Amino acid sequence: MSVKTKASKTTDPPKFKSEAEEAEWWDRNPDFIADQFEKAAKEGRILRGLPGRGATRSVTIRLAMKDVETAQTLAAKMGLPYQTYIKTVLHQALERERNQPGR
């Protein structure tokens, strides 16, 4: 296999020919992510919250039980907490509306 056994000091892992090759590389290089995280922290590139979204605020809304259950089902399929899923769907809808001509 042509992939190195130790991660180089680059910011990106190497390119892989297959998913199996990638999995093997990550198994052999568990410190790669930690090293990159430490480097980013030293450079001040670690941000709290979601980058580019700015400040957040907690809000309480009432939703129909059917909508909450649907969100929970869809979120579970995606491996997300349902509140994160709802926030993502709401954000996407607001962006669509914001970008509509004449609004």
C-alpha atoms as a PDB file:
ATOM      1  CA  MET A   1       0.000   0.000   0.000  1.00  0.00           C
ATOM      2  CA  SER A   2       1.404   3.426  -0.869  1.00  0.00           C
ATOM      3  CA  VAL A   3      -0.074   5.359   2.059  1.00  0.00           C
ATOM      4  CA  LYS A   4       2.441   6.361   4.736  1.00  0.00           C
ATOM      5  CA  THR A   5       2.112   4.867   8.203  1.00  0.00           C
ATOM      6  CA  LYS A   6       2.530   8.181  10.025  1.00  0.00           C
ATOM      7  CA  ALA A   7       0.574  11.348   9.353  1.00  0.00           C
ATOM      8  CA  SER A   8       2.594  14.094   7.759  1.00  0.00           C
ATOM      9  CA  LYS A   9       2.625  17.568   9.230  1.00  0.00           C
ATOM     10  CA  THR A  10       0.162  18.808   6.605  1.00  0.00           C
ATOM     11  CA  THR A  11      -3.302  20.073   7.438  1.00  0.00           C
ATOM     12  CA  ASP A  12      -4.995  17.403   5.329  1.00  0.00           C
ATOM     13  CA  PRO A  13      -4.805  13.621   5.390  1.00  0.00           C
ATOM     14  CA  PRO A  14      -3.534  12.008   2.176  1.00  0.00           C
ATOM     15  CA  LYS A  15      -5.817  11.098  -0.713  1.00  0.00           C
ATOM     16  CA  PHE A  16      -7.090   7.523  -0.601  1.00  0.00           C
ATOM     17  CA  LYS A  17      -7.926   5.016  -3.308  1.00  0.00           C
ATOM     18  CA  SER A  18     -10.615   3.296  -1.264  1.00  0.00           C
ATOM     19  CA  GLU A  19     -12.634   3.571   1.911  1.00  0.00           C
ATOM     20  CA  ALA A  20     -10.761   0.571   3.309  1.00  0.00           C
ATOM     21  CA  GLU A  21      -7.428   2.292   2.689  1.00  0.00           C
ATOM     22  CA  GLU A  22      -8.723   5.427   4.434  1.00  0.00           C
ATOM     23  CA  ALA A  23     -10.009   3.443   7.429  1.00  0.00           C
ATOM     24  CA  GLU A  24      -6.641   1.713   7.744  1.00  0.00           C
ATOM     25  CA  TRP A  25      -4.818   5.067   7.637  1.00  0.00           C
ATOM     26  CA  TRP A  26      -7.041   6.573  10.365  1.00  0.00           C
ATOM     27  CA  ASP A  27      -6.471   3.463  12.505  1.00  0.00           C
ATOM     28  CA  ARG A  28      -2.714   3.912  12.163  1.00  0.00           C
ATOM     29  CA  ASN A  29      -2.819   7.696  12.764  1.00  0.00           C
ATOM     30  CA  PRO A  30      -5.137   8.356  15.722  1.00  0.00           C
ATOM     31  CA  ASP A  31      -3.196  11.435  16.840  1.00  0.00           C
ATOM     32  CA  PHE A  32      -3.695  13.290  13.547  1.00  0.00           C
ATOM     33  CA  ILE A  33      -6.966  14.978  14.587  1.00  0.00           C
ATOM     34  CA  ALA A  34      -5.617  15.862  18.048  1.00  0.00           C
ATOM     35  CA  ASP A  35      -2.495  17.400  16.505  1.00  0.00           C
ATOM     36  CA  GLN A  36      -4.576  19.438  14.074  1.00  0.00           C
ATOM     37  CA  PHE A  37      -6.891  20.584  16.862  1.00  0.00           C
ATOM     38  CA  GLU A  38      -3.951  21.689  19.030  1.00  0.00           C
ATOM     39  CA  LYS A  39      -2.416  23.571  16.105  1.00  0.00           C
ATOM     40  CA  ALA A  40      -5.710  25.341  15.377  1.00  0.00           C
ATOM     41  CA  ALA A  41      -6.109  26.240  19.062  1.00  0.00           C
ATOM     42  CA  LYS A  42      -2.612  27.770  19.158  1.00  0.00           C
ATOM     43  CA  GLU A  43      -3.412  29.771  16.021  1.00  0.00           C
ATOM     44  CA  GLY A  44      -6.728  30.987  17.454  1.00  0.00           C
ATOM     45  CA  ARG A  45      -8.823  29.198  14.836  1.00  0.00           C
ATOM     46  CA  ILE A  46     -11.061  27.364  17.317  1.00  0.00           C
ATOM     47  CA  LEU A  47     -14.431  29.063  17.534  1.00  0.00           C
ATOM     48  CA  ARG A  48     -17.226  28.381  19.955  1.00  0.00           C
ATOM     49  CA  GLY A  49     -20.521  27.502  18.304  1.00  0.00           C
ATOM     50  CA  LEU A  50     -21.119  27.351  14.589  1.00  0.00           C
ATOM     51  CA  PRO A  51     -18.706  29.346  12.439  1.00  0.00           C
ATOM     52  CA  GLY A  52     -20.220  32.152  10.434  1.00  0.00           C
ATOM     53  CA  ARG A  53     -23.572  32.107  12.212  1.00  0.00           C
ATOM     54  CA  GLY A  54     -22.835  34.763  14.818  1.00  0.00           C
ATOM     55  CA  ALA A  55     -24.476  34.933  18.210  1.00  0.00           C
ATOM     56  CA  THR A  56     -27.292  32.579  19.115  1.00  0.00           C
ATOM     57  CA  ARG A  57     -30.295  33.006  21.352  1.00  0.00           C
ATOM     58  CA  SER A  58     -32.462  30.473  23.071  1.00  0.00           C
ATOM     59  CA  VAL A  59     -36.138  30.564  22.078  1.00  0.00           C
ATOM     60  CA  THR A  60     -39.164  28.526  23.061  1.00  0.00           C
ATOM     61  CA  ILE A  61     -41.821  27.628  20.515  1.00  0.00           C
ATOM     62  CA  ARG A  62     -44.768  25.276  20.576  1.00  0.00           C
ATOM     63  CA  LEU A  63     -44.946  22.756  17.752  1.00  0.00           C
ATOM     64  CA  ALA A  64     -47.602  20.238  16.854  1.00  0.00           C
ATOM     65  CA  MET A  65     -46.780  16.817  18.311  1.00  0.00           C
ATOM     66  CA  LYS A  66     -46.976  15.305  14.824  1.00  0.00           C
ATOM     67  CA  ASP A  67     -44.281  17.747  13.614  1.00  0.00           C
ATOM     68  CA  VAL A  68     -42.034  16.973  16.585  1.00  0.00           C
ATOM     69  CA  GLU A  69     -42.447  13.230  16.036  1.00  0.00           C
ATOM     70  CA  THR A  70     -41.681  13.620  12.336  1.00  0.00           C
ATOM     71  CA  ALA A  71     -38.581  15.672  13.166  1.00  0.00           C
ATOM     72  CA  GLN A  72     -37.449  13.029  15.664  1.00  0.00           C
ATOM     73  CA  THR A  73     -37.867  10.258  13.095  1.00  0.00           C
ATOM     74  CA  LEU A  74     -36.043  12.151  10.345  1.00  0.00           C
ATOM     75  CA  ALA A  75     -33.282  13.285  12.708  1.00  0.00           C
ATOM     76  CA  ALA A  76     -32.719   9.726  13.916  1.00  0.00           C
ATOM     77  CA  LYS A  77     -32.255   8.571  10.309  1.00  0.00           C
ATOM     78  CA  MET A  78     -29.546  11.218   9.940  1.00  0.00           C
ATOM     79  CA  GLY A  79     -27.956  10.488  13.309  1.00  0.00           C
ATOM     80  CA  LEU A  80     -28.754  13.950  14.665  1.00  0.00           C
ATOM     81  CA  PRO A  81     -30.484  15.212  17.787  1.00  0.00           C
ATOM     82  CA  TYR A  82     -33.978  16.294  16.760  1.00  0.00           C
ATOM     83  CA  GLN A  83     -33.531  19.876  18.012  1.00  0.00           C
ATOM     84  CA  THR A  84     -30.414  20.244  15.862  1.00  0.00           C
ATOM     85  CA  TYR A  85     -32.376  18.863  12.918  1.00  0.00           C
ATOM     86  CA  ILE A  86     -35.235  21.339  13.489  1.00  0.00           C
ATOM     87  CA  LYS A  87     -32.751  24.211  13.751  1.00  0.00           C
ATOM     88  CA  THR A  88     -31.098  23.152  10.483  1.00  0.00           C
ATOM     89  CA  VAL A  89     -34.414  22.830   8.626  1.00  0.00           C
ATOM     90  CA  LEU A  90     -35.572  26.212   9.931  1.00  0.00           C
ATOM     91  CA  HIS A  91     -32.290  27.850   8.941  1.00  0.00           C
ATOM     92  CA  GLN A  92     -32.496  26.411   5.414  1.00  0.00           C
ATOM     93  CA  ALA A  93     -36.099  27.586   5.004  1.00  0.00           C
ATOM     94  CA  LEU A  94     -35.244  31.086   6.226  1.00  0.00           C
ATOM     95  CA  GLU A  95     -32.280  31.296   3.857  1.00  0.00           C
ATOM     96  CA  ARG A  96     -34.496  30.224   0.944  1.00  0.00           C
ATOM     97  CA  GLU A  97     -37.057  32.880   1.832  1.00  0.00           C
ATOM     98  CA  ARG A  98     -34.408  35.528   2.346  1.00  0.00           C
ATOM     99  CA  ASN A  99     -32.945  34.833  -1.102  1.00  0.00           C
ATOM    100  CA  GLN A 100     -36.273  34.997  -2.946  1.00  0.00           C
ATOM    101  CA  PRO A 101     -36.459  38.012  -5.279  1.00  0.00           C
ATOM    102  CA  GLY A 102     -38.814  40.715  -4.078  1.00  0.00           C
ATOM    103  CA  ARG A 103     -38.584  39.872  -0.380  1.00  0.00           C
END
